[in-house]
Amino acid sequence: MQLLSSPASPFVRKCRVVLIETGQDDVEVRDVTASPMGGDAALNAANPSGKIPVLLREDGPALYDSRVITRFLDDRAGTRLYPADRLWDVLSLEANADAIMEAAVAITYEKRLRPEALWWSDWFEAQWTKIARSLDALEARSMPLLEGPLNAGQIAVGCALGYLDLRHDDRGWRDGRDTLAAWEARFAERPAMVATRP
């Protein structure tokens, strides 16, 4: 199998962390070019939206998006990153993290692909407001699940916060969120997080 990848993508990183945490070293990670303006032909052939990650399988059609891939990998390894007794909580935690990533990537693309004269500051702030609300929800409601046994939601949150550090460190996401910041500092030292740090 191959995971179509891009080194800085937080969605790809989520899948790569799952591969490491579940001991699946038989999946080849292959970097491709992805862009909302059109990317790698192999990527577009595998996923019509042209988004990464994509998991190419020998015995079935390609899998995408990251939540589908991480569920597949967890099932394949027989691990419990999506435990049945906390499934809806873990999925909601992962969805919250993915929303942070989506808004953060949207800001990155806007700055990278549009001329600065066309940047819309109100739109940037609207995206950051989504991120801030999601971070506040993590701080206020999600710490018990973040502190428990390893799950896919934790991995997603760790990757989302790492992406904020990578692309939006000037926003100071840790301000006023001491508990979440302390959790992130510990989680970032897991070997799988260190190995996948962009």
C-alpha atoms as a PDB file:
ATOM      1  CA  MET A   1       0.000   0.000   0.000  1.00  0.00           C
ATOM      2  CA  GLN A   2       1.012   3.600  -0.529  1.00  0.00           C
ATOM      3  CA  LEU A   3       0.029   6.734   1.357  1.00  0.00           C
ATOM      4  CA  LEU A   4       0.044   9.739  -0.967  1.00  0.00           C
ATOM      5  CA  SER A   5       1.543  12.443   1.159  1.00  0.00           C
ATOM      6  CA  SER A   6       2.894  15.944   1.564  1.00  0.00           C
ATOM      7  CA  PRO A   7       5.325  16.559   4.435  1.00  0.00           C
ATOM      8  CA  ALA A   8       3.638  19.661   5.920  1.00  0.00           C
ATOM      9  CA  SER A   9       0.016  18.477   5.704  1.00  0.00           C
ATOM     10  CA  PRO A  10      -1.539  17.984   9.157  1.00  0.00           C
ATOM     11  CA  PHE A  11      -4.052  15.553   7.644  1.00  0.00           C
ATOM     12  CA  VAL A  12      -1.245  13.404   6.249  1.00  0.00           C
ATOM     13  CA  ARG A  13       0.646  13.655   9.515  1.00  0.00           C
ATOM     14  CA  LYS A  14      -2.375  12.247  11.326  1.00  0.00           C
ATOM     15  CA  CYS A  15      -2.212   9.136   9.125  1.00  0.00           C
ATOM     16  CA  ARG A  16       1.550   8.833   9.471  1.00  0.00           C
ATOM     17  CA  VAL A  17       1.298   9.000  13.262  1.00  0.00           C
ATOM     18  CA  VAL A  18      -1.329   6.245  13.201  1.00  0.00           C
ATOM     19  CA  LEU A  19       0.962   4.118  11.025  1.00  0.00           C
ATOM     20  CA  ILE A  20       3.776   4.477  13.548  1.00  0.00           C
ATOM     21  CA  GLU A  21       1.613   4.081  16.657  1.00  0.00           C
ATOM     22  CA  THR A  22       0.068   0.892  15.255  1.00  0.00           C
ATOM     23  CA  GLY A  23       3.344  -0.563  13.946  1.00  0.00           C
ATOM     24  CA  GLN A  24       2.370  -0.636  10.268  1.00  0.00           C
ATOM     25  CA  ASP A  25       5.732  -0.161   8.586  1.00  0.00           C
ATOM     26  CA  ASP A  26       4.616  -1.930   5.407  1.00  0.00           C
ATOM     27  CA  VAL A  27       2.881   1.185   4.017  1.00  0.00           C
ATOM     28  CA  GLU A  28       5.050   3.287   1.700  1.00  0.00           C
ATOM     29  CA  VAL A  29       4.720   7.048   2.179  1.00  0.00           C
ATOM     30  CA  ARG A  30       4.975   8.753  -1.229  1.00  0.00           C
ATOM     31  CA  ASP A  31       5.160  12.516  -1.518  1.00  0.00           C
ATOM     32  CA  VAL A  32       3.065  14.151  -4.225  1.00  0.00           C
ATOM     33  CA  THR A  33       2.199  17.734  -5.120  1.00  0.00           C
ATOM     34  CA  ALA A  34      -1.221  18.822  -3.884  1.00  0.00           C
ATOM     35  CA  SER A  35      -2.820  22.191  -4.513  1.00  0.00           C
ATOM     36  CA  PRO A  36      -6.369  23.557  -4.708  1.00  0.00           C
ATOM     37  CA  MET A  37      -5.274  24.962  -8.064  1.00  0.00           C
ATOM     38  CA  GLY A  38      -4.448  21.486  -9.393  1.00  0.00           C
ATOM     39  CA  GLY A  39      -1.778  19.039  -8.357  1.00  0.00           C
ATOM     40  CA  ASP A  40      -0.136  15.747  -9.130  1.00  0.00           C
ATOM     41  CA  ALA A  41      -1.904  13.684 -11.822  1.00  0.00           C
ATOM     42  CA  ALA A  42      -1.573  10.486  -9.782  1.00  0.00           C
ATOM     43  CA  LEU A  43      -3.233  12.187  -6.828  1.00  0.00           C
ATOM     44  CA  ASN A  44      -6.074  13.551  -8.944  1.00  0.00           C
ATOM     45  CA  ALA A  45      -6.603  10.108 -10.474  1.00  0.00           C
ATOM     46  CA  ALA A  46      -6.817   8.492  -7.039  1.00  0.00           C
ATOM     47  CA  ASN A  47      -8.961  11.174  -5.384  1.00  0.00           C
ATOM     48  CA  PRO A  48     -11.126  13.305  -7.699  1.00  0.00           C
ATOM     49  CA  SER A  49     -10.968  16.233  -5.253  1.00  0.00           C
ATOM     50  CA  GLY A  50      -7.164  16.262  -5.547  1.00  0.00           C
ATOM     51  CA  LYS A  51      -6.772  16.322  -1.770  1.00  0.00           C
ATOM     52  CA  ILE A  52      -4.294  14.439   0.362  1.00  0.00           C
ATOM     53  CA  PRO A  53      -3.931  12.019   2.009  1.00  0.00           C
ATOM     54  CA  VAL A  54      -4.954   9.095  -0.147  1.00  0.00           C
ATOM     55  CA  LEU A  55      -4.283   5.451   0.706  1.00  0.00           C
ATOM     56  CA  LEU A  56      -3.712   3.307  -2.368  1.00  0.00           C
ATOM     57  CA  ARG A  57      -4.617  -0.341  -1.757  1.00  0.00           C
ATOM     58  CA  GLU A  58      -3.811  -3.405  -3.830  1.00  0.00           C
ATOM     59  CA  ASP A  59      -7.099  -5.094  -2.962  1.00  0.00           C
ATOM     60  CA  GLY A  60      -9.596  -2.275  -3.271  1.00  0.00           C
ATOM     61  CA  PRO A  61     -10.232   1.298  -4.341  1.00  0.00           C
ATOM     62  CA  ALA A  62      -8.246   4.196  -2.926  1.00  0.00           C
ATOM     63  CA  LEU A  63      -9.309   5.495   0.466  1.00  0.00           C
ATOM     64  CA  TYR A  64      -9.663   9.165   1.428  1.00  0.00           C
ATOM     65  CA  ASP A  65     -10.025  11.438   3.515  1.00  0.00           C
ATOM     66  CA  SER A  66      -7.825  11.233   6.613  1.00  0.00           C
ATOM     67  CA  ARG A  67     -10.653  10.108   8.931  1.00  0.00           C
ATOM     68  CA  VAL A  68     -11.465   7.194   6.634  1.00  0.00           C
ATOM     69  CA  ILE A  69      -7.798   6.247   6.361  1.00  0.00           C
ATOM     70  CA  THR A  70      -7.141   6.364  10.099  1.00  0.00           C
ATOM     71  CA  ARG A  71     -10.220   4.217  10.798  1.00  0.00           C
ATOM     72  CA  PHE A  72      -9.073   1.724   8.157  1.00  0.00           C
ATOM     73  CA  LEU A  73      -5.531   1.593   9.557  1.00  0.00           C
ATOM     74  CA  ASP A  74      -6.795   1.158  13.112  1.00  0.00           C
ATOM     75  CA  ASP A  75      -9.052  -1.680  11.996  1.00  0.00           C
ATOM     76  CA  ARG A  76      -6.253  -3.267   9.949  1.00  0.00           C
ATOM     77  CA  ALA A  77      -3.908  -3.248  12.940  1.00  0.00           C
ATOM     78  CA  GLY A  78      -6.561  -4.415  15.405  1.00  0.00           C
ATOM     79  CA  THR A  79      -5.789  -1.534  17.734  1.00  0.00           C
ATOM     80  CA  ARG A  80      -8.299   0.567  19.685  1.00  0.00           C
ATOM     81  CA  LEU A  81      -7.740   4.119  18.556  1.00  0.00           C
ATOM     82  CA  TYR A  82     -11.526   4.265  18.059  1.00  0.00           C
ATOM     83  CA  PRO A  83     -12.740   2.421  21.185  1.00  0.00           C
ATOM     84  CA  ALA A  84     -16.365   1.290  20.988  1.00  0.00           C
ATOM     85  CA  ASP A  85     -17.187   2.523  24.492  1.00  0.00           C
ATOM     86  CA  ARG A  86     -16.047   6.091  23.643  1.00  0.00           C
ATOM     87  CA  LEU A  87     -16.506   6.062  19.873  1.00  0.00           C
ATOM     88  CA  TRP A  88     -18.734   9.123  19.535  1.00  0.00           C
ATOM     89  CA  ASP A  89     -16.562  11.174  21.880  1.00  0.00           C
ATOM     90  CA  VAL A  90     -13.396  10.220  19.992  1.00  0.00           C
ATOM     91  CA  LEU A  91     -14.989  10.941  16.608  1.00  0.00           C
ATOM     92  CA  SER A  92     -16.205  14.339  17.846  1.00  0.00           C
ATOM     93  CA  LEU A  93     -12.744  15.140  19.201  1.00  0.00           C
ATOM     94  CA  GLU A  94     -11.229  14.197  15.850  1.00  0.00           C
ATOM     95  CA  ALA A  95     -13.819  16.305  14.012  1.00  0.00           C
ATOM     96  CA  ASN A  96     -12.968  19.302  16.209  1.00  0.00           C
ATOM     97  CA  ALA A  97      -9.268  18.864  15.406  1.00  0.00           C
ATOM     98  CA  ASP A  98     -10.001  18.473  11.704  1.00  0.00           C
ATOM     99  CA  ALA A  99     -12.006  21.722  11.781  1.00  0.00           C
ATOM    100  CA  ILE A 100      -8.961  23.488  13.226  1.00  0.00           C
ATOM    101  CA  MET A 101      -6.807  22.024  10.463  1.00  0.00           C
ATOM    102  CA  GLU A 102      -9.276  22.961   7.717  1.00  0.00           C
ATOM    103  CA  ALA A 103      -9.476  26.589   8.824  1.00  0.00           C
ATOM    104  CA  ALA A 104      -5.712  26.839   9.333  1.00  0.00           C
ATOM    105  CA  VAL A 105      -4.970  25.306   5.918  1.00  0.00           C
ATOM    106  CA  ALA A 106      -7.504  27.666   4.339  1.00  0.00           C
ATOM    107  CA  ILE A 107      -5.632  30.661   5.747  1.00  0.00           C
ATOM    108  CA  THR A 108      -2.335  29.209   4.516  1.00  0.00           C
ATOM    109  CA  TYR A 109      -3.670  28.654   1.009  1.00  0.00           C
ATOM    110  CA  GLU A 110      -5.179  32.131   0.853  1.00  0.00           C
ATOM    111  CA  LYS A 111      -1.841  33.702   1.699  1.00  0.00           C
ATOM    112  CA  ARG A 112       0.108  31.409  -0.587  1.00  0.00           C
ATOM    113  CA  LEU A 113      -2.125  31.456  -3.668  1.00  0.00           C
ATOM    114  CA  ARG A 114      -3.681  34.917  -3.793  1.00  0.00           C
ATOM    115  CA  PRO A 115      -1.817  38.174  -4.339  1.00  0.00           C
ATOM    116  CA  GLU A 116      -1.442  40.100  -1.096  1.00  0.00           C
ATOM    117  CA  ALA A 117      -3.463  43.002  -2.526  1.00  0.00           C
ATOM    118  CA  LEU A 118      -6.452  40.621  -2.709  1.00  0.00           C
ATOM    119  CA  TRP A 119      -6.206  39.209   0.809  1.00  0.00           C
ATOM    120  CA  TRP A 120      -9.426  39.692   2.754  1.00  0.00           C
ATOM    121  CA  SER A 121      -8.612  40.340   6.414  1.00  0.00           C
ATOM    122  CA  ASP A 122     -12.212  39.769   7.567  1.00  0.00           C
ATOM    123  CA  TRP A 123     -12.092  36.298   6.038  1.00  0.00           C
ATOM    124  CA  PHE A 124      -8.770  35.539   7.780  1.00  0.00           C
ATOM    125  CA  GLU A 125     -10.274  36.617  11.078  1.00  0.00           C
ATOM    126  CA  ALA A 126     -13.400  34.525  10.498  1.00  0.00           C
ATOM    127  CA  GLN A 127     -11.215  31.446   9.962  1.00  0.00           C
ATOM    128  CA  TRP A 128      -9.173  32.232  13.057  1.00  0.00           C
ATOM    129  CA  THR A 129     -12.378  32.698  15.062  1.00  0.00           C
ATOM    130  CA  LYS A 130     -13.357  29.116  14.156  1.00  0.00           C
ATOM    131  CA  ILE A 131      -9.948  27.937  15.323  1.00  0.00           C
ATOM    132  CA  ALA A 132     -10.130  29.920  18.567  1.00  0.00           C
ATOM    133  CA  ARG A 133     -13.620  28.590  19.385  1.00  0.00           C
ATOM    134  CA  SER A 134     -12.432  25.047  18.733  1.00  0.00           C
ATOM    135  CA  LEU A 135      -9.346  25.549  20.928  1.00  0.00           C
ATOM    136  CA  ASP A 136     -11.517  26.966  23.703  1.00  0.00           C
ATOM    137  CA  ALA A 137     -13.806  23.935  23.461  1.00  0.00           C
ATOM    138  CA  LEU A 138     -10.806  21.623  23.770  1.00  0.00           C
ATOM    139  CA  GLU A 139      -9.590  23.495  26.849  1.00  0.00           C
ATOM    140  CA  ALA A 140     -13.029  23.596  28.490  1.00  0.00           C
ATOM    141  CA  ARG A 141     -14.503  20.207  27.589  1.00  0.00           C
ATOM    142  CA  SER A 142     -12.039  17.768  26.095  1.00  0.00           C
ATOM    143  CA  MET A 143      -9.172  17.433  28.541  1.00  0.00           C
ATOM    144  CA  PRO A 144     -10.436  14.186  30.161  1.00  0.00           C
ATOM    145  CA  LEU A 145     -10.474  12.490  26.744  1.00  0.00           C
ATOM    146  CA  LEU A 146      -7.131  14.024  25.805  1.00  0.00           C
ATOM    147  CA  GLU A 147      -5.582  12.719  29.042  1.00  0.00           C
ATOM    148  CA  GLY A 148      -6.933   9.162  28.703  1.00  0.00           C
ATOM    149  CA  PRO A 149      -5.546   6.198  26.765  1.00  0.00           C
ATOM    150  CA  LEU A 150      -4.268   6.967  23.269  1.00  0.00           C
ATOM    151  CA  ASN A 151      -7.046   7.497  20.746  1.00  0.00           C
ATOM    152  CA  ALA A 152      -7.426   8.907  17.236  1.00  0.00           C
ATOM    153  CA  GLY A 153      -8.854  12.163  18.544  1.00  0.00           C
ATOM    154  CA  GLN A 154      -5.702  12.839  20.536  1.00  0.00           C
ATOM    155  CA  ILE A 155      -3.573  12.207  17.465  1.00  0.00           C
ATOM    156  CA  ALA A 156      -5.697  14.602  15.421  1.00  0.00           C
ATOM    157  CA  VAL A 157      -5.500  17.322  18.080  1.00  0.00           C
ATOM    158  CA  GLY A 158      -1.737  16.910  18.367  1.00  0.00           C
ATOM    159  CA  CYS A 159      -1.373  17.277  14.592  1.00  0.00           C
ATOM    160  CA  ALA A 160      -3.704  20.293  14.487  1.00  0.00           C
ATOM    161  CA  LEU A 161      -1.770  22.106  17.210  1.00  0.00           C
ATOM    162  CA  GLY A 162       1.513  21.241  15.538  1.00  0.00           C
ATOM    163  CA  TYR A 163       0.240  22.769  12.305  1.00  0.00           C
ATOM    164  CA  LEU A 164      -0.735  25.966  14.132  1.00  0.00           C
ATOM    165  CA  ASP A 165       2.842  26.166  15.388  1.00  0.00           C
ATOM    166  CA  LEU A 166       4.196  25.535  11.900  1.00  0.00           C
ATOM    167  CA  ARG A 167       2.072  28.017   9.931  1.00  0.00           C
ATOM    168  CA  HIS A 168       0.423  30.375  12.423  1.00  0.00           C
ATOM    169  CA  ASP A 169       2.755  30.658  15.394  1.00  0.00           C
ATOM    170  CA  ASP A 170       2.262  34.429  15.429  1.00  0.00           C
ATOM    171  CA  ARG A 171      -1.351  33.907  16.585  1.00  0.00           C
ATOM    172  CA  GLY A 172      -0.347  32.611  20.026  1.00  0.00           C
ATOM    173  CA  TRP A 173      -2.851  29.769  20.285  1.00  0.00           C
ATOM    174  CA  ARG A 174      -1.536  28.850  23.764  1.00  0.00           C
ATOM    175  CA  ASP A 175      -2.573  32.193  25.300  1.00  0.00           C
ATOM    176  CA  GLY A 176      -5.241  31.563  27.936  1.00  0.00           C
ATOM    177  CA  ARG A 177      -5.184  27.808  27.300  1.00  0.00           C
ATOM    178  CA  ASP A 178      -2.606  26.612  29.790  1.00  0.00           C
ATOM    179  CA  THR A 179      -4.015  23.101  30.247  1.00  0.00           C
ATOM    180  CA  LEU A 180      -4.196  22.419  26.520  1.00  0.00           C
ATOM    181  CA  ALA A 181      -0.722  23.897  26.019  1.00  0.00           C
ATOM    182  CA  ALA A 182       0.720  21.636  28.732  1.00  0.00           C
ATOM    183  CA  TRP A 183      -0.962  18.614  27.178  1.00  0.00           C
ATOM    184  CA  GLU A 184       0.428  19.520  23.741  1.00  0.00           C
ATOM    185  CA  ALA A 185       3.959  19.853  25.112  1.00  0.00           C
ATOM    186  CA  ARG A 186       3.790  16.322  26.522  1.00  0.00           C
ATOM    187  CA  PHE A 187       2.040  14.794  23.508  1.00  0.00           C
ATOM    188  CA  ALA A 188       4.485  16.383  21.048  1.00  0.00           C
ATOM    189  CA  GLU A 189       7.274  14.299  22.616  1.00  0.00           C
ATOM    190  CA  ARG A 190       5.721  10.963  21.666  1.00  0.00           C
ATOM    191  CA  PRO A 191       8.140   9.224  19.273  1.00  0.00           C
ATOM    192  CA  ALA A 192       5.524   9.126  16.474  1.00  0.00           C
ATOM    193  CA  MET A 193       4.966  12.875  16.782  1.00  0.00           C
ATOM    194  CA  VAL A 194       8.696  13.592  16.807  1.00  0.00           C
ATOM    195  CA  ALA A 195       9.243  11.343  13.778  1.00  0.00           C
ATOM    196  CA  THR A 196       6.537  13.112  11.741  1.00  0.00           C
ATOM    197  CA  ARG A 197       7.285  16.709  12.749  1.00  0.00           C
ATOM    198  CA  PRO A 198       7.437  18.841   9.574  1.00  0.00           C
END
